[in-house]
Amino acid sequence: MNEEKRGTSKVVLDTNVLLSALLWHQGKPRLIFRKVIEGSVRVFCCKEIIDELREILERDFNEPTELINQQISVVLAYAELIELSYFEKIVTEDPDDDIIMNCALSANADFVVSGDSHLLKLKYYRNIRIISPADFLNLSL
C-alpha cells in the first residue's frame, strides 16, 4: 500500500457510501467525501457504479432528473472515472457487489469503503482492504 504511506489513499466507495455522502450532510460518508475534496483521498469510480447510483436515486429516492444529474456531476468532479479491466466473480452471496470489487482491482485501490455486510465479510481481497466508513476515518491518513 504505497499510496497509503504517501498520504493519498486510493479508494473505491461503495454505492451506499456515495449515496450517504450526497444525501446526508452529517455522517461519516460525508466526512470521507470531504477528504476527497481536500485531496487527501483519491476516489475511483466506474460507469457501472455511476449507473447504479443513478438508478437508486431515481427508484428509491424519487429524485428529479435535474437533481440527480447535479449529484452525479459532484461525484464525477472528484472521482477518477475508470474502465473496468477485471470481471472476476468475487462476492458469491451478492454478485452485484462484484462491480465494486472489480472497480477496486481495476484502479489498483488500497481500500473499498462500504457498509455492505457481504463486502465487509471479505476484509481483504488481494491487496485491497475492505472497511466501513468509521474504520476508514479512524486510519491515520
Foldseek 3Di string as FASTA:
>chain_A
DVCVVVQEFEEEEQLVLLVCLLPPCDDLSVVVVVCLVVRSYAYADEPLSLVVNLVCCCPVVVDDPVVSVVSSVSCVVRHHYDYFPDDDQDQPVDSSCVRRVSRCVRRVGQEYEYPDPSQQVVCDDDNYGYYYSVVVVPDPD
